[in-house]
């Protein structure tokens, strides 16, 4: 995993979850300051909030690129 500046992410500090109505229009939804989390429930969801991605944050605040965007299934 690497930061957006291309450096190796070696001091993971948390995650940021992005969501939106389309894969090309994601906005930050929540920042999680616990790098040990392996699951998080995003609630409440808006009716058109179907797409999600996540980034990793290091202790300096540098953020990785977005993960693959996923769509909620019905």
C-alpha atoms as a PDB file:
ATOM      1  CA  UNK A   1       0.000   0.000   0.000  1.00  0.00           C
ATOM      2  CA  UNK A   2       1.286   3.472  -0.782  1.00  0.00           C
ATOM      3  CA  UNK A   3       0.427   7.094  -0.163  1.00  0.00           C
ATOM      4  CA  UNK A   4      -0.753   9.395  -2.946  1.00  0.00           C
ATOM      5  CA  UNK A   5       2.776  10.829  -3.140  1.00  0.00           C
ATOM      6  CA  UNK A   6       4.104   7.348  -4.001  1.00  0.00           C
ATOM      7  CA  UNK A   7       5.815   6.695  -0.671  1.00  0.00           C
ATOM      8  CA  UNK A   8       5.248   3.403   1.144  1.00  0.00           C
ATOM      9  CA  UNK A   9       2.528   3.470   3.822  1.00  0.00           C
ATOM     10  CA  UNK A  10       4.399   2.168   6.854  1.00  0.00           C
ATOM     11  CA  UNK A  11       2.605   3.970   9.693  1.00  0.00           C
ATOM     12  CA  UNK A  12      -1.079   3.242   9.185  1.00  0.00           C
ATOM     13  CA  UNK A  13      -3.192   5.490  11.427  1.00  0.00           C
ATOM     14  CA  UNK A  14      -6.713   4.936  10.088  1.00  0.00           C
ATOM     15  CA  UNK A  15      -9.071   4.957   7.133  1.00  0.00           C
ATOM     16  CA  UNK A  16     -11.442   7.273   5.299  1.00  0.00           C
ATOM     17  CA  UNK A  17     -14.643   5.932   3.754  1.00  0.00           C
ATOM     18  CA  UNK A  18     -16.039   7.653   0.664  1.00  0.00           C
ATOM     19  CA  UNK A  19     -19.557   7.258  -0.694  1.00  0.00           C
ATOM     20  CA  UNK A  20     -21.830   8.698  -3.342  1.00  0.00           C
ATOM     21  CA  UNK A  21     -24.581   8.265  -5.883  1.00  0.00           C
ATOM     22  CA  UNK A  22     -22.132   7.394  -8.682  1.00  0.00           C
ATOM     23  CA  UNK A  23     -18.628   5.949  -8.834  1.00  0.00           C
ATOM     24  CA  UNK A  24     -17.349   9.246 -10.254  1.00  0.00           C
ATOM     25  CA  UNK A  25     -18.868  11.434  -7.535  1.00  0.00           C
ATOM     26  CA  UNK A  26     -17.617  10.110  -4.193  1.00  0.00           C
ATOM     27  CA  UNK A  27     -17.232  12.337  -1.151  1.00  0.00           C
ATOM     28  CA  UNK A  28     -15.642  11.653   2.247  1.00  0.00           C
ATOM     29  CA  UNK A  29     -18.262  10.069   4.541  1.00  0.00           C
ATOM     30  CA  UNK A  30     -16.338   9.188   7.715  1.00  0.00           C
ATOM     31  CA  UNK A  31     -12.738   9.138   8.970  1.00  0.00           C
ATOM     32  CA  UNK A  32     -11.792   6.260  11.253  1.00  0.00           C
ATOM     33  CA  UNK A  33      -8.836   6.821  13.571  1.00  0.00           C
ATOM     34  CA  UNK A  34      -8.398   3.150  14.487  1.00  0.00           C
ATOM     35  CA  UNK A  35      -6.100   1.192  12.135  1.00  0.00           C
ATOM     36  CA  UNK A  36      -7.117  -2.110  13.786  1.00  0.00           C
ATOM     37  CA  UNK A  37     -10.685  -1.960  12.515  1.00  0.00           C
ATOM     38  CA  UNK A  38     -11.615  -4.739  10.147  1.00  0.00           C
ATOM     39  CA  UNK A  39     -15.264  -3.730   9.762  1.00  0.00           C
ATOM     40  CA  UNK A  40     -17.425  -0.632  10.081  1.00  0.00           C
ATOM     41  CA  UNK A  41     -21.157  -0.143   9.494  1.00  0.00           C
ATOM     42  CA  UNK A  42     -22.055   3.034   7.613  1.00  0.00           C
ATOM     43  CA  UNK A  43     -25.433   4.308   8.812  1.00  0.00           C
ATOM     44  CA  UNK A  44     -27.820   5.788   7.919  1.00  0.00           C
ATOM     45  CA  UNK A  45     -27.633   5.464   4.152  1.00  0.00           C
ATOM     46  CA  UNK A  46     -29.291   7.905   1.779  1.00  0.00           C
ATOM     47  CA  UNK A  47     -31.514   6.251  -0.877  1.00  0.00           C
ATOM     48  CA  UNK A  48     -29.030   7.092  -3.661  1.00  0.00           C
ATOM     49  CA  UNK A  49     -25.873   6.301  -1.667  1.00  0.00           C
ATOM     50  CA  UNK A  50     -24.836   3.182  -3.551  1.00  0.00           C
ATOM     51  CA  UNK A  51     -21.088   3.463  -4.228  1.00  0.00           C
ATOM     52  CA  UNK A  52     -18.266   3.169  -1.717  1.00  0.00           C
ATOM     53  CA  UNK A  53     -14.463   3.244  -1.604  1.00  0.00           C
ATOM     54  CA  UNK A  54     -11.869   3.512   1.155  1.00  0.00           C
ATOM     55  CA  UNK A  55      -8.440   5.069   1.621  1.00  0.00           C
ATOM     56  CA  UNK A  56      -5.711   4.513   4.199  1.00  0.00           C
ATOM     57  CA  UNK A  57      -4.244   7.351   6.277  1.00  0.00           C
ATOM     58  CA  UNK A  58      -0.813   7.494   7.864  1.00  0.00           C
ATOM     59  CA  UNK A  59       0.189   9.323  11.044  1.00  0.00           C
ATOM     60  CA  UNK A  60       1.240  12.406   9.020  1.00  0.00           C
ATOM     61  CA  UNK A  61      -2.199  12.665   7.434  1.00  0.00           C
ATOM     62  CA  UNK A  62      -1.093  11.429   4.005  1.00  0.00           C
ATOM     63  CA  UNK A  63      -3.823   9.486   2.247  1.00  0.00           C
ATOM     64  CA  UNK A  64      -3.562   6.535  -0.125  1.00  0.00           C
ATOM     65  CA  UNK A  65      -5.394   6.421  -3.429  1.00  0.00           C
ATOM     66  CA  UNK A  66      -8.977   5.194  -3.471  1.00  0.00           C
ATOM     67  CA  UNK A  67      -9.619   1.487  -3.319  1.00  0.00           C
ATOM     68  CA  UNK A  68     -11.694  -0.141  -6.003  1.00  0.00           C
ATOM     69  CA  UNK A  69     -15.177   1.413  -5.954  1.00  0.00           C
ATOM     70  CA  UNK A  70     -17.902  -1.046  -4.987  1.00  0.00           C
ATOM     71  CA  UNK A  71     -21.654  -0.810  -5.491  1.00  0.00           C
ATOM     72  CA  UNK A  72     -24.159  -1.991  -2.908  1.00  0.00           C
ATOM     73  CA  UNK A  73     -26.315  -4.801  -4.163  1.00  0.00           C
ATOM     74  CA  UNK A  74     -29.979  -5.155  -3.389  1.00  0.00           C
END
